[in-house]
């Protein structure tokens, strides 16, 4: 039996602005996580599903090791006519146990967008290397309805800098 103790809290402060034509919400977020160091897993990569997650490890038998802070901002815009957009930008800072620990303390930049107009949407996420300011990975999903025609397209790319090069395109209708 393994126990993975930790204490965390997502702290956010939504700021609203509303008019007849447009509603906006800007939400700064910070998530301190106090967790002991363990030997099961180190720092994990950030993605759209785990930026503000207490545990980024993908296995039920693992837990991300050590204290860290996840932080970012959400900006949501709605025009009251079935159209909206959301942008999320964030990073994570991990406190290394020893000065000799060479793991990256500050994560790469993560940017996510969601745009929706009636029955059409576009979702994208991008991870940018914080040192070289080059693209580490991209994921784009699009869906569109035009009368009786329904189209879907997906694109994903992973640079060869940190893992195997991977690029995929999917189109359907």
Protein backbone atom coordinates (compact mmCIF):
# COMPACT_ATOMS: atom_id res chain seq x y z
CA UNK A 1 0.00 0.00 0.00
CA UNK A 2 1.35 3.41 -0.98
CA UNK A 3 0.10 6.69 0.39
CA UNK A 4 0.59 9.93 -1.51
CA UNK A 5 -0.11 12.72 0.98
CA UNK A 6 -0.45 16.25 -0.28
CA UNK A 7 -2.30 19.48 0.38
CA UNK A 8 -3.37 21.74 -2.47
CA UNK A 9 -5.83 24.47 -3.24
CA UNK A 10 -6.80 26.28 -6.42
CA UNK A 11 -6.98 29.99 -5.68
CA UNK A 12 -8.68 32.15 -8.30
CA UNK A 13 -10.21 35.59 -8.47
CA UNK A 14 -12.55 36.09 -11.43
CA UNK A 15 -12.86 39.65 -12.70
CA UNK A 16 -16.06 40.34 -14.67
CA UNK A 17 -16.93 42.99 -17.22
CA UNK A 18 -20.30 42.98 -18.90
CA UNK A 19 -22.09 45.08 -21.51
CA UNK A 20 -25.08 44.57 -23.80
CA UNK A 21 -22.89 43.12 -26.55
CA UNK A 22 -20.07 41.40 -24.71
CA UNK A 23 -19.26 39.62 -21.44
CA UNK A 24 -15.66 39.08 -20.36
CA UNK A 25 -14.08 37.25 -17.47
CA UNK A 26 -10.38 37.34 -16.62
CA UNK A 27 -9.42 34.82 -13.95
CA UNK A 28 -5.90 34.75 -12.51
CA UNK A 29 -5.20 31.33 -10.95
CA UNK A 30 -2.56 30.03 -8.60
CA UNK A 31 -2.41 26.52 -7.18
CA UNK A 32 0.14 25.82 -4.45
CA UNK A 33 0.76 22.12 -3.87
CA UNK A 34 2.56 20.86 -0.79
CA UNK A 35 3.71 17.27 -1.32
CA UNK A 36 6.67 15.28 -0.04
CA UNK A 37 9.43 14.13 -2.37
CA UNK A 38 9.19 10.48 -3.38
CA UNK A 39 11.07 8.14 -5.68
CA UNK A 40 8.10 7.13 -7.81
CA UNK A 41 7.97 10.01 -10.29
CA UNK A 42 9.54 13.39 -10.90
CA UNK A 43 8.26 16.50 -12.64
CA UNK A 44 5.62 15.83 -15.30
CA UNK A 45 4.87 17.69 -18.55
CA UNK A 46 1.97 20.13 -18.62
CA UNK A 47 -0.99 19.83 -20.99
CA UNK A 48 -4.53 21.14 -21.37
CA UNK A 49 -5.89 18.45 -19.09
CA UNK A 50 -3.40 18.84 -16.25
CA UNK A 51 -2.28 22.47 -15.97
CA UNK A 52 -4.27 22.96 -12.76
CA UNK A 53 -4.21 19.33 -11.68
CA UNK A 54 -3.01 18.23 -8.27
CA UNK A 55 -1.29 15.25 -9.90
CA UNK A 56 0.04 15.17 -13.47
CA UNK A 57 1.28 11.57 -13.30
CA UNK A 58 -0.76 9.38 -15.64
CA UNK A 59 -0.78 6.17 -13.60
CA UNK A 60 -2.92 5.44 -10.58
CA UNK A 61 0.21 3.97 -8.94
CA UNK A 62 2.22 7.19 -9.28
CA UNK A 63 2.02 10.64 -7.80
CA UNK A 64 3.98 13.70 -8.86
CA UNK A 65 6.77 14.27 -6.39
CA UNK A 66 7.61 17.41 -4.44
CA UNK A 67 6.09 20.82 -3.74
CA UNK A 68 5.17 23.03 -6.69
CA UNK A 69 3.05 25.97 -7.79
CA UNK A 70 0.83 25.97 -10.88
CA UNK A 71 -0.14 29.43 -12.11
CA UNK A 72 -1.84 31.05 -15.07
CA UNK A 73 -4.70 33.12 -16.36
CA UNK A 74 -8.01 32.40 -18.14
CA UNK A 75 -9.71 34.96 -20.37
CA UNK A 76 -13.28 34.16 -21.44
CA UNK A 77 -15.28 36.29 -23.91
CA UNK A 78 -18.96 35.75 -24.78
CA UNK A 79 -20.97 37.88 -27.24
CA UNK A 80 -24.44 36.64 -26.10
CA UNK A 81 -25.11 35.24 -29.62
CA UNK A 82 -23.84 31.65 -29.31
CA UNK A 83 -20.21 32.70 -29.85
CA UNK A 84 -17.46 32.62 -27.27
CA UNK A 85 -13.72 32.27 -26.88
CA UNK A 86 -11.42 31.20 -24.06
CA UNK A 87 -7.65 31.57 -23.77
CA UNK A 88 -5.59 29.93 -21.03
CA UNK A 89 -1.92 30.65 -20.44
CA UNK A 90 0.06 28.98 -17.67
CA UNK A 91 3.19 27.44 -16.22
CA UNK A 92 4.29 25.37 -13.28
CA UNK A 93 7.18 25.90 -10.87
CA UNK A 94 8.62 22.89 -9.07
CA UNK A 95 10.82 23.28 -5.99
CA UNK A 96 13.81 20.94 -6.30
CA UNK A 97 14.93 19.18 -3.15
CA UNK A 98 18.66 19.70 -3.66
CA UNK A 99 20.67 22.32 -5.50
CA UNK A 100 22.33 19.45 -7.37
CA UNK A 101 18.94 18.41 -8.78
CA UNK A 102 19.09 19.25 -12.49
CA UNK A 103 15.38 18.84 -13.25
CA UNK A 104 13.74 21.91 -14.74
CA UNK A 105 12.10 23.93 -11.99
CA UNK A 106 10.10 26.23 -14.26
CA UNK A 107 7.97 24.48 -16.89
CA UNK A 108 7.54 25.43 -20.51
CA UNK A 109 4.78 27.88 -21.50
CA UNK A 110 1.35 26.41 -22.10
CA UNK A 111 -1.29 28.19 -24.21
CA UNK A 112 -4.76 26.84 -24.93
CA UNK A 113 -7.61 28.37 -26.96
CA UNK A 114 -11.24 27.40 -27.45
CA UNK A 115 -13.42 29.25 -29.96
CA UNK A 116 -17.07 28.37 -30.52
CA UNK A 117 -19.57 29.91 -32.96
CA UNK A 118 -22.97 28.21 -33.10
CA UNK A 119 -22.21 24.64 -34.34
CA UNK A 120 -18.55 25.34 -35.18
CA UNK A 121 -15.56 25.17 -32.89
CA UNK A 122 -11.80 25.33 -32.88
CA UNK A 123 -9.68 24.06 -30.01
CA UNK A 124 -5.92 24.35 -29.87
CA UNK A 125 -3.10 23.86 -27.40
CA UNK A 126 0.55 24.68 -27.77
CA UNK A 127 3.56 24.11 -25.54
CA UNK A 128 6.46 26.49 -26.13
CA UNK A 129 9.97 25.78 -24.84
CA UNK A 130 10.71 28.53 -22.34
CA UNK A 131 14.45 28.62 -23.09
CA UNK A 132 14.51 28.54 -26.89
CA UNK A 133 11.01 29.94 -27.48
CA UNK A 134 10.30 27.25 -30.06
CA UNK A 135 7.29 24.97 -30.42
CA UNK A 136 7.46 21.76 -28.41
CA UNK A 137 3.98 20.47 -29.28
CA UNK A 138 0.76 21.57 -30.99
CA UNK A 139 -2.72 20.07 -30.94
CA UNK A 140 -5.59 21.49 -33.01
CA UNK A 141 -9.16 20.19 -33.32
CA UNK A 142 -11.81 21.77 -35.56
CA UNK A 143 -15.45 20.94 -36.19
CA UNK A 144 -17.82 22.69 -38.58
CA UNK A 145 -21.42 22.29 -39.71
CA UNK A 146 -22.56 23.89 -42.97
CA UNK A 147 -26.18 22.96 -43.69
CA UNK A 148 -26.12 19.13 -43.88
CA UNK A 149 -22.33 18.92 -44.27
CA UNK A 150 -20.31 18.11 -41.15
CA UNK A 151 -16.53 18.37 -41.23
CA UNK A 152 -13.89 17.55 -38.63
CA UNK A 153 -10.13 18.04 -38.76
CA UNK A 154 -7.42 17.22 -36.22
CA UNK A 155 -3.72 18.03 -36.26
CA UNK A 156 -1.02 17.14 -33.75
CA UNK A 157 2.70 17.77 -33.79
CA UNK A 158 5.53 16.96 -31.39
CA UNK A 159 8.98 18.34 -32.12
CA UNK A 160 11.98 16.04 -32.16
CA UNK A 161 13.75 18.14 -29.55
CA UNK A 162 12.46 16.26 -26.49
CA UNK A 163 10.96 13.06 -27.88
CA UNK A 164 10.40 11.33 -31.20
CA UNK A 165 9.09 13.55 -33.97
CA UNK A 166 5.39 12.92 -34.40
CA UNK A 167 2.95 14.65 -36.75
CA UNK A 168 -0.59 13.56 -37.57
CA UNK A 169 -3.44 14.96 -39.63
CA UNK A 170 -6.99 13.59 -39.62
CA UNK A 171 -9.86 14.83 -41.76
CA UNK A 172 -13.41 13.50 -41.84
CA UNK A 173 -16.82 14.46 -43.06
